[in-house]
Protein backbone atom coordinates (compact mmCIF):
# COMPACT_ATOMS: atom_id res chain seq x y z
CA MET A 1 4.58 106.71 -27.65
CA THR A 2 5.55 104.78 -30.77
CA ALA A 3 7.60 106.08 -33.70
CA ALA A 4 4.49 105.87 -35.90
CA THR A 5 2.56 108.09 -33.49
CA VAL A 6 5.33 110.66 -33.44
CA ALA A 7 5.44 110.65 -37.24
CA ARG A 8 1.74 111.46 -37.44
CA GLU A 9 1.96 114.49 -35.15
CA PRO A 10 2.05 117.83 -37.01
CA ALA A 11 5.29 119.73 -36.94
CA PRO A 12 5.37 122.68 -34.53
CA ALA A 13 4.40 125.95 -36.18
CA THR A 14 7.25 128.26 -37.03
CA ALA A 15 7.37 131.81 -35.70
CA PRO A 16 6.22 133.33 -39.05
CA GLU A 17 3.35 130.84 -39.19
CA ARG A 18 2.28 131.72 -35.65
CA ARG A 19 2.39 135.44 -36.46
CA SER A 20 0.37 134.86 -39.63
CA ALA A 21 -2.25 132.83 -37.75
CA HIS A 22 -2.44 135.48 -35.02
CA ALA A 23 -2.87 138.24 -37.61
CA ALA A 24 -5.62 136.25 -39.37
CA THR A 25 -7.43 135.71 -36.08
CA THR A 26 -7.15 139.39 -35.17
CA PHE A 27 -8.23 140.77 -38.54
CA GLY A 28 -10.96 138.15 -38.89
CA SER A 29 -12.39 138.98 -35.45
CA ILE A 30 -12.36 142.71 -36.21
CA ALA A 31 -14.09 142.03 -39.53
CA LEU A 32 -16.76 139.94 -37.80
CA GLY A 33 -17.52 142.69 -35.30
CA ALA A 34 -17.50 145.40 -37.97
CA LEU A 35 -19.83 143.35 -40.18
CA VAL A 36 -22.38 143.06 -37.37
CA ALA A 37 -22.04 146.79 -36.60
CA CYS A 38 -22.57 147.72 -40.26
CA LEU A 39 -25.69 145.58 -40.40
CA VAL A 40 -27.08 147.35 -37.35
CA LEU A 41 -26.31 150.73 -38.92
CA LEU A 42 -27.86 149.68 -42.23
CA GLY A 43 -31.07 148.58 -40.53
CA ALA A 44 -31.19 151.63 -38.26
CA ASN A 45 -30.66 154.16 -41.06
CA ALA A 46 -33.08 152.40 -43.38
CA ALA A 47 -35.63 152.57 -40.54
CA SER A 48 -35.12 156.27 -39.85
CA GLY A 49 -37.17 157.54 -42.80
CA ARG A 50 -38.33 156.95 -46.34
CA SER A 51 -35.72 155.67 -48.76
CA SER A 52 -35.35 153.34 -51.71
CA TYR A 53 -34.04 150.73 -49.26
CA VAL A 54 -37.55 150.11 -47.88
CA PRO A 55 -39.81 150.00 -50.96
CA SER A 56 -42.92 149.19 -48.91
CA GLY A 57 -42.62 152.56 -47.17
CA ALA A 58 -42.54 154.66 -50.35
CA ARG A 59 -46.02 156.12 -49.73
CA SER A 60 -46.29 155.85 -45.95
CA PHE A 61 -43.69 154.95 -43.36
CA PRO A 62 -45.39 154.18 -40.02
CA ALA A 63 -43.51 153.15 -36.90
CA TRP A 64 -44.62 149.52 -37.19
CA LEU A 65 -42.93 149.30 -40.58
CA ALA A 66 -39.73 151.03 -39.43
CA GLY A 67 -39.25 148.64 -36.54
CA PRO A 68 -37.19 148.82 -33.33
CA LEU A 69 -33.97 150.20 -34.85
CA ALA A 70 -35.47 153.47 -36.07
CA ARG A 71 -34.22 155.54 -33.12
CA LEU A 72 -30.62 154.54 -33.81
CA GLY A 73 -30.58 155.87 -37.37
CA PHE A 74 -29.19 159.24 -38.37
CA THR A 75 -29.51 159.43 -42.17
CA THR A 76 -31.40 158.00 -45.13
CA SER A 77 -28.77 159.11 -47.63
CA HIS A 78 -28.61 156.60 -50.48
CA THR A 79 -24.85 157.04 -50.62
CA VAL A 80 -24.47 156.10 -46.94
CA LEU A 81 -26.79 153.09 -47.23
CA GLU A 82 -25.02 151.91 -50.35
CA GLY A 83 -21.65 152.40 -48.63
CA LEU A 84 -22.79 150.24 -45.72
CA VAL A 85 -23.82 147.44 -48.07
CA LEU A 86 -20.47 147.61 -49.86
CA ALA A 87 -18.69 147.63 -46.50
CA ILE A 88 -20.57 144.48 -45.46
CA CYS A 89 -19.52 142.83 -48.72
CA GLY A 90 -15.87 143.81 -48.18
CA LEU A 91 -15.89 142.63 -44.57
CA TYR A 92 -17.42 139.34 -45.66
CA ALA A 93 -14.51 138.85 -48.05
CA VAL A 94 -12.04 139.49 -45.22
CA VAL A 95 -13.86 137.01 -42.98
CA LEU A 96 -13.70 134.32 -45.67
CA VAL A 97 -9.94 134.76 -45.97
CA CYS A 98 -9.49 134.59 -42.20
CA LEU A 99 -12.04 131.85 -41.46
CA PRO A 100 -9.55 128.99 -40.99
CA ALA A 101 -7.91 130.89 -38.12
CA LEU A 102 -11.13 131.94 -36.39
CA PRO A 103 -12.63 129.94 -33.50
CA ALA A 104 -15.90 128.25 -34.46
CA ARG A 105 -17.71 129.75 -31.45
CA ARG A 106 -16.72 133.25 -32.54
CA VAL A 107 -18.04 132.61 -36.05
CA TRP A 108 -21.33 131.28 -34.69
CA LEU A 109 -21.70 134.26 -32.33
CA ALA A 110 -21.20 136.67 -35.22
CA ILE A 111 -23.71 134.76 -37.35
CA VAL A 112 -26.37 134.86 -34.64
CA LEU A 113 -25.83 138.59 -33.96
CA ALA A 114 -25.76 139.43 -37.67
CA THR A 115 -28.95 137.45 -38.28
CA LEU A 116 -30.63 139.22 -35.37
CA ALA A 117 -29.55 142.63 -36.70
CA ALA A 118 -30.97 141.78 -40.13
CA ALA A 119 -34.20 140.53 -38.56
CA LEU A 120 -34.71 143.78 -36.60
CA ALA A 121 -34.28 145.94 -39.71
CA PRO A 122 -37.34 147.02 -41.73
CA PRO A 123 -38.01 144.94 -44.87
CA LEU A 124 -34.91 145.79 -46.89
CA LEU A 125 -34.67 146.30 -50.66
CA SER A 126 -37.90 144.45 -51.41
CA GLY A 127 -41.63 144.66 -50.84
CA ASP A 128 -42.12 140.90 -51.09
CA ALA A 129 -42.85 140.32 -47.38
CA LEU A 130 -45.92 142.54 -47.44
CA GLY A 131 -46.77 141.03 -50.82
CA TYR A 132 -46.94 137.60 -49.15
CA LEU A 133 -49.35 139.03 -46.59
CA GLY A 134 -51.36 140.69 -49.35
CA PHE A 135 -51.88 137.34 -51.05
CA ALA A 136 -52.81 135.73 -47.72
CA ARG A 137 -55.35 138.47 -46.95
CA LEU A 138 -56.95 137.94 -50.35
CA GLY A 139 -57.64 134.34 -49.42
CA VAL A 140 -58.56 134.70 -45.74
CA LEU A 141 -60.36 138.08 -45.60
CA HIS A 142 -61.79 138.37 -49.10
CA GLY A 143 -62.37 134.76 -50.11
CA LEU A 144 -60.33 135.16 -53.30
CA SER A 145 -57.71 132.64 -54.35
CA PRO A 146 -54.33 134.37 -54.74
CA TYR A 147 -53.69 131.95 -57.61
CA SER A 148 -56.51 133.59 -59.57
CA PHE A 149 -56.66 137.17 -58.27
CA THR A 150 -54.13 139.96 -57.80
CA ALA A 151 -54.01 142.61 -55.08
CA ASN A 152 -56.02 144.87 -57.40
CA ALA A 153 -59.08 142.77 -56.53
CA ALA A 154 -59.08 144.28 -53.00
CA PRO A 155 -57.93 147.89 -53.34
CA ARG A 156 -59.60 148.92 -50.07
CA ASP A 157 -57.65 146.43 -47.99
CA ALA A 158 -55.50 148.20 -45.40
CA ILE A 159 -52.35 146.56 -46.77
CA TYR A 160 -52.87 147.84 -50.33
CA PRO A 161 -50.96 151.15 -49.93
CA TYR A 162 -47.86 149.24 -48.78
CA LEU A 163 -47.76 146.77 -51.66
CA THR A 164 -45.31 146.98 -54.52
CA TRP A 165 -47.28 144.35 -56.48
CA ARG A 166 -50.26 146.57 -57.30
CA GLY A 167 -51.69 148.47 -60.24
CA ALA A 168 -49.87 147.61 -63.45
CA SER A 169 -47.32 145.58 -61.44
CA ALA A 170 -49.94 143.31 -59.86
CA VAL A 171 -49.43 139.55 -60.22
CA THR A 172 -50.98 136.37 -58.93
CA THR A 173 -48.87 134.39 -56.50
CA PRO A 174 -46.08 132.24 -57.97
CA TYR A 175 -45.45 130.49 -54.63
CA GLY A 176 -46.21 126.91 -53.74
CA PRO A 177 -49.32 125.88 -51.81
CA LEU A 178 -47.42 125.00 -48.64
CA PHE A 179 -46.09 128.53 -48.31
CA THR A 180 -49.42 130.09 -49.27
CA LEU A 181 -51.27 128.02 -46.68
CA ALA A 182 -48.68 128.84 -44.01
CA SER A 183 -48.99 132.55 -44.78
CA TYR A 184 -52.76 132.30 -44.24
CA ALA A 185 -52.01 131.52 -40.58
CA LEU A 186 -50.34 134.93 -40.20
CA VAL A 187 -53.40 136.97 -41.20
CA PRO A 188 -54.96 137.03 -37.68
CA LEU A 189 -51.79 138.77 -36.45
CA GLY A 190 -52.64 141.87 -38.50
CA ILE A 191 -50.36 143.59 -40.96
CA ALA A 192 -47.68 144.65 -38.49
CA GLY A 193 -47.76 141.36 -36.59
CA GLY A 194 -47.65 139.37 -39.82
CA LEU A 195 -44.68 141.34 -41.13
CA TRP A 196 -42.57 140.89 -38.02
CA ALA A 197 -43.58 137.24 -37.76
CA LEU A 198 -42.16 136.81 -41.28
CA LYS A 199 -38.98 138.58 -40.20
CA PHE A 200 -38.66 136.34 -37.14
CA LEU A 201 -39.32 133.21 -39.21
CA ALA A 202 -36.73 134.28 -41.79
CA ALA A 203 -34.11 134.53 -39.04
CA LEU A 204 -35.18 131.29 -37.37
CA THR A 205 -35.22 129.25 -40.58
CA THR A 206 -31.82 130.65 -41.56
CA LEU A 207 -30.24 129.60 -38.26
CA ALA A 208 -31.89 126.18 -38.52
CA THR A 209 -30.53 125.84 -42.07
CA LEU A 210 -27.05 126.66 -40.79
CA ALA A 211 -27.31 123.94 -38.14
CA LEU A 212 -28.11 121.46 -40.92
CA ILE A 213 -25.30 122.82 -43.11
CA TRP A 214 -22.83 122.18 -40.28
CA ARG A 215 -23.94 118.54 -40.11
CA ILE A 216 -23.92 118.08 -43.89
CA ALA A 217 -20.43 119.52 -44.25
CA ALA A 218 -19.10 117.29 -41.48
CA ARG A 219 -20.69 114.29 -43.17
CA LEU A 220 -19.18 115.13 -46.56
CA GLY A 221 -15.68 115.90 -45.27
CA SER A 222 -15.95 119.64 -45.91
CA SER A 223 -15.12 122.23 -43.24
CA PRO A 224 -18.30 122.87 -41.19
CA LYS A 225 -16.94 126.21 -39.97
CA TRP A 226 -16.22 127.37 -43.51
CA ALA A 227 -19.62 126.14 -44.69
CA VAL A 228 -21.65 128.05 -42.09
CA GLY A 229 -19.45 131.12 -42.46
CA MET A 230 -19.79 131.15 -46.24
CA TYR A 231 -23.59 130.83 -46.06
CA GLY A 232 -24.54 132.53 -42.81
CA LEU A 233 -22.46 135.70 -43.25
CA ASN A 234 -23.11 136.13 -46.96
CA PRO A 235 -24.70 139.53 -47.76
CA VAL A 236 -27.30 137.82 -49.96
CA VAL A 237 -28.51 135.84 -46.95
CA LEU A 238 -28.27 138.62 -44.36
CA ILE A 239 -29.29 141.76 -46.26
CA PHE A 240 -31.71 140.33 -48.79
CA ALA A 241 -33.09 137.03 -47.47
CA VAL A 242 -33.36 137.78 -43.74
CA GLY A 243 -33.46 141.57 -44.15
CA GLY A 244 -36.21 141.27 -46.74
CA ALA A 245 -37.99 138.38 -44.93
CA HIS A 246 -38.00 136.28 -48.10
CA ASN A 247 -39.51 132.83 -48.21
CA ASP A 248 -36.26 131.60 -49.77
CA THR A 249 -35.12 131.10 -46.16
CA TRP A 250 -37.94 128.56 -45.70
CA PHE A 251 -37.00 127.00 -49.03
CA GLY A 252 -33.36 126.77 -47.94
CA LEU A 253 -34.29 124.94 -44.74
CA ALA A 254 -36.31 122.34 -46.65
CA VAL A 255 -33.53 121.83 -49.23
CA ALA A 256 -30.90 121.49 -46.49
CA ALA A 257 -33.08 118.93 -44.69
CA ALA A 258 -33.45 117.00 -47.95
CA ILE A 259 -29.70 117.02 -48.62
CA LEU A 260 -28.87 115.85 -45.09
CA ALA A 261 -31.36 113.01 -45.34
CA LEU A 262 -30.03 111.97 -48.74
CA VAL A 263 -26.38 111.94 -47.71
CA ARG A 264 -27.41 109.80 -44.72
CA ALA A 265 -29.29 107.42 -47.09
CA ARG A 266 -32.65 108.10 -45.45
CA GLU A 267 -34.80 108.06 -48.58
CA SER A 268 -38.19 108.60 -46.94
CA ARG A 269 -37.08 111.75 -45.10
CA GLY A 270 -35.25 112.99 -48.17
CA ALA A 271 -38.34 112.55 -50.33
CA LEU A 272 -40.62 114.32 -47.84
CA ALA A 273 -38.22 117.26 -47.46
CA THR A 274 -37.75 117.54 -51.23
CA VAL A 275 -41.50 117.61 -51.84
CA ALA A 276 -41.91 120.14 -49.03
CA ALA A 277 -39.31 122.37 -50.70
CA THR A 278 -41.14 122.04 -54.02
CA ALA A 279 -44.42 122.92 -52.31
CA LEU A 280 -42.74 126.11 -51.08
CA LYS A 281 -41.07 127.08 -54.37
CA VAL A 282 -41.41 125.09 -57.56
CA SER A 283 -37.72 125.57 -58.43
CA ALA A 284 -36.89 122.80 -55.91
CA VAL A 285 -38.15 120.28 -58.45
CA MET A 286 -34.67 120.39 -59.99
CA LEU A 287 -33.28 118.64 -56.90
CA MET A 288 -35.34 115.50 -57.58
CA PRO A 289 -33.40 113.92 -60.49
CA PHE A 290 -30.08 114.53 -58.75
CA ALA A 291 -31.47 112.98 -55.57
CA LEU A 292 -32.59 109.91 -57.51
CA ILE A 293 -29.16 109.50 -59.08
CA ALA A 294 -27.44 109.89 -55.71
CA SER A 295 -29.71 107.52 -53.81
CA THR A 296 -28.46 104.10 -52.81
CA ASP A 297 -32.04 102.83 -53.09
CA ARG A 298 -33.53 104.62 -56.10
CA ARG A 299 -36.67 102.53 -56.19
CA ARG A 300 -37.54 103.34 -52.59
CA LEU A 301 -36.81 107.04 -53.08
CA PHE A 302 -38.89 107.14 -56.27
CA ILE A 303 -41.87 105.53 -54.51
CA TRP A 304 -41.63 107.99 -51.62
CA LEU A 305 -41.29 110.96 -53.98
CA ALA A 306 -44.28 109.86 -56.06
CA GLY A 307 -46.39 109.20 -52.98
CA ALA A 308 -45.51 112.48 -51.28
CA LEU A 309 -46.16 114.43 -54.49
CA ALA A 310 -49.55 112.76 -54.89
CA VAL A 311 -50.56 113.56 -51.30
CA ALA A 312 -49.35 117.16 -51.66
CA LEU A 313 -51.27 117.60 -54.91
CA VAL A 314 -54.51 116.18 -53.52
CA ALA A 315 -54.24 118.30 -50.37
CA SER A 316 -53.47 121.43 -52.40
CA LEU A 317 -56.43 120.86 -54.71
CA ALA A 318 -58.67 120.30 -51.70
CA VAL A 319 -57.68 123.72 -50.32
CA PHE A 320 -57.24 125.83 -53.46
CA GLY A 321 -59.18 123.89 -56.10
CA PHE A 322 -58.24 124.15 -59.74
CA SER A 323 -57.14 127.75 -59.27
CA LEU A 324 -53.83 126.10 -58.34
CA ASP A 325 -52.91 126.06 -62.02
CA GLY A 326 -52.30 129.79 -61.55
CA ILE A 327 -48.78 128.88 -60.35
CA GLY A 328 -47.85 127.89 -63.87
CA HIS A 329 -49.30 131.07 -65.34
CA ALA A 330 -47.50 133.20 -62.75
CA LEU A 331 -44.14 131.52 -63.38
CA LEU A 332 -44.50 131.89 -67.15
CA SER A 333 -45.44 135.51 -66.66
CA GLU A 334 -42.32 135.99 -64.52
CA GLN A 335 -40.10 134.63 -67.27
CA ARG A 336 -41.76 136.90 -69.82
CA ASP A 337 -40.62 139.80 -67.66
CA VAL A 338 -37.04 140.91 -68.02
CA ALA A 339 -34.75 142.01 -65.19
CA ARG A 340 -32.44 144.70 -66.50
CA HIS A 341 -29.27 142.98 -65.33
CA SER A 342 -30.16 139.35 -66.02
CA LEU A 343 -27.51 137.74 -68.19
CA PRO A 344 -29.81 137.26 -71.21
CA ASN A 345 -30.70 140.96 -71.11
CA GLU A 346 -27.08 142.01 -70.61
CA VAL A 347 -26.10 140.01 -73.69
CA SER A 348 -28.94 141.52 -75.72
CA MET A 349 -27.83 145.03 -74.70
CA LEU A 350 -24.26 144.13 -75.64
CA PHE A 351 -25.50 143.44 -79.17
CA GLY A 352 -27.38 146.74 -79.23
CA PHE A 353 -30.94 145.51 -78.68
CA ALA A 354 -33.31 147.72 -76.68
CA HIS A 355 -35.39 144.70 -75.67
CA LEU A 356 -34.58 141.04 -75.12
CA PRO A 357 -35.09 139.23 -78.45
CA GLU A 358 -36.80 135.85 -78.36
CA ALA A 359 -33.82 134.29 -80.17
CA ILE A 360 -31.44 135.23 -77.34
CA ARG A 361 -33.95 134.13 -74.69
CA ALA A 362 -34.36 130.77 -76.47
CA SER A 363 -30.58 130.38 -76.77
CA PHE A 364 -30.15 130.78 -73.02
CA ILE A 365 -32.95 128.30 -72.33
CA ALA A 366 -31.33 125.78 -74.67
CA ALA A 367 -27.95 126.32 -72.99
CA PHE A 368 -29.59 125.78 -69.60
CA ALA A 369 -31.16 122.52 -70.77
CA LEU A 370 -27.80 121.29 -72.04
CA ALA A 371 -26.12 122.31 -68.77
CA VAL A 372 -28.67 120.35 -66.74
CA LEU A 373 -28.28 117.28 -68.95
CA GLY A 374 -24.51 117.55 -68.62
CA ALA A 375 -24.76 117.87 -64.84
CA LEU A 376 -27.07 114.84 -64.64
CA TRP A 377 -24.69 112.85 -66.84
CA GLY A 378 -21.78 113.84 -64.62
CA ALA A 379 -23.66 112.76 -61.50
CA TRP A 380 -24.58 109.47 -63.18
CA ARG A 381 -20.92 108.86 -64.04
CA GLY A 382 -19.93 109.25 -60.40
CA LEU A 383 -19.13 112.92 -59.93
CA SER A 384 -20.41 114.54 -56.73
CA TRP A 385 -24.16 114.84 -57.18
CA LEU A 386 -24.25 117.91 -54.95
CA ASP A 387 -21.63 119.66 -57.07
CA CYS A 388 -23.55 118.75 -60.22
CA TYR A 389 -26.77 120.06 -58.65
CA ALA A 390 -24.97 123.29 -57.74
CA TRP A 391 -23.73 123.76 -61.33
CA ALA A 392 -27.22 123.10 -62.69
CA THR A 393 -28.65 125.68 -60.29
CA LEU A 394 -25.98 128.17 -61.32
CA ALA A 395 -26.98 127.56 -64.94
CA LEU A 396 -30.60 128.29 -64.00
CA LEU A 397 -29.61 131.67 -62.56
CA ALA A 398 -27.55 132.46 -65.66
CA ALA A 399 -30.36 131.55 -68.06
CA SER A 400 -33.25 133.20 -66.24
CA SER A 401 -34.44 136.49 -67.70
CA TRP A 402 -35.96 137.31 -64.30
CA LEU A 403 -33.09 137.44 -61.79
CA LEU A 404 -33.41 138.72 -58.23
CA PRO A 405 -30.56 138.94 -55.66
CA TRP A 406 -31.93 136.40 -53.19
CA TYR A 407 -32.04 133.73 -55.91
CA ALA A 408 -28.29 133.36 -55.37
CA MET A 409 -29.17 131.44 -52.19
CA TRP A 410 -30.25 128.51 -54.37
CA VAL A 411 -26.67 127.83 -55.45
CA LEU A 412 -25.03 129.14 -52.28
CA LEU A 413 -26.49 126.35 -50.15
CA PRO A 414 -25.09 123.30 -51.99
CA ALA A 415 -21.86 125.19 -52.71
CA SER A 416 -21.28 125.93 -49.02
CA VAL A 417 -21.04 122.21 -48.17
CA SER A 418 -19.10 121.29 -51.32
CA THR A 419 -15.47 120.22 -51.20
CA SER A 420 -14.90 121.78 -54.64
CA ARG A 421 -13.22 125.17 -54.71
CA ARG A 422 -14.63 125.78 -58.19
CA VAL A 423 -18.20 125.28 -57.00
CA LYS A 424 -17.62 127.61 -54.06
CA ALA A 425 -16.02 130.21 -56.32
CA GLY A 426 -18.94 130.01 -58.76
CA ALA A 427 -21.46 130.55 -55.96
CA LEU A 428 -19.50 133.48 -54.51
CA ILE A 429 -19.23 135.13 -57.94
CA ALA A 430 -22.98 134.67 -58.44
CA SER A 431 -23.63 136.19 -54.99
CA ALA A 432 -21.44 139.20 -55.72
CA TYR A 433 -23.14 139.75 -59.07
CA CYS A 434 -26.61 139.51 -57.53
CA VAL A 435 -25.74 142.08 -54.87
CA ALA A 436 -24.19 144.40 -57.43
CA ILE A 437 -27.20 144.42 -59.77
CA LYS A 438 -29.43 145.61 -56.94
CA ILE A 439 -27.38 148.37 -55.34
CA LEU A 440 -25.07 149.72 -58.06
């Protein structure tokens, strides 16, 4: 062994350092187990009867909606359910602190068990999953394009009593054609089969996303263990995305696939994954300019993006016709709505307004546009394009008048693989805020 080799070897840990590492491992492991247990209890209690935690069961709560955990529940008390959510958030914070000391296999085991627990729960804190099926049934069973018609067009459909998007709240679908077409395939499974297929797919796509996040983080020099722990154990992902069976899990998988392809300089795969993400949710279009800036072969990436977009548009028009323009109307309608705790509305209430004034809404939109331009300029000047994309996405969440908890996943994904502590902190603050506005 040479002197240079000896010099490179880390110094032996001192006794206080060993005790600190042991304590972090112990507390982190306890927190992992407790987090999984709290998720099981949350799902079981939410399944045991009607509560605000399962909006689809407000009128009727059959066994197929409650799911397999119903027999383990003992209360539907809002206070208990809220306490479990807060406990999960607190345990997540403990896990993040202790992550460096935890074995990777232990973290992965906790992620898999937590994802399974969330998947077995009834659709938590959202009626969107049955709303997806409602749109699909419009198209398959009633011959009505969900881009032109709302659930009110088929009030006698068996799914109608379980929908939250009905009556005055009815909307046309704001989702991309790829997701809409995929949801059509679930209709033959029936309402119960379709719902639990969505739950299973939410869990599966989340775990697949985490596998890609591990590879991206390793490629970028970030800690893979920290990246999957930050994303996979986050309450936004577990309680809302997987628990609510949201299509944002599908979106996350496509975005992660695009990022991995781009950091590996595989422009064709990156373009296809980016277009697929956009065909799931239009918000993925914001990834495209950052991808072009980051690419080592911009011309090739641009050609692939243009070609894939053209094929996707032609295929979508062939299936849905010109009713596809309903996406734009639905998205504009969404932004005309106001979530009580969106930042624009919070600012308007701070100034004493009962409703969101157009001047404040326009100010936030202008600030968002400037933030995106600044992020693009930063990426062009050589800053990390993923960090710039994360900041632009965070600006989108801040500027949107329609803010829902699972939207925090959009910034959480690029932040989890970032090497910037500021980006990670911004994403974690956004996640905490998005959880708080829903349960407090």
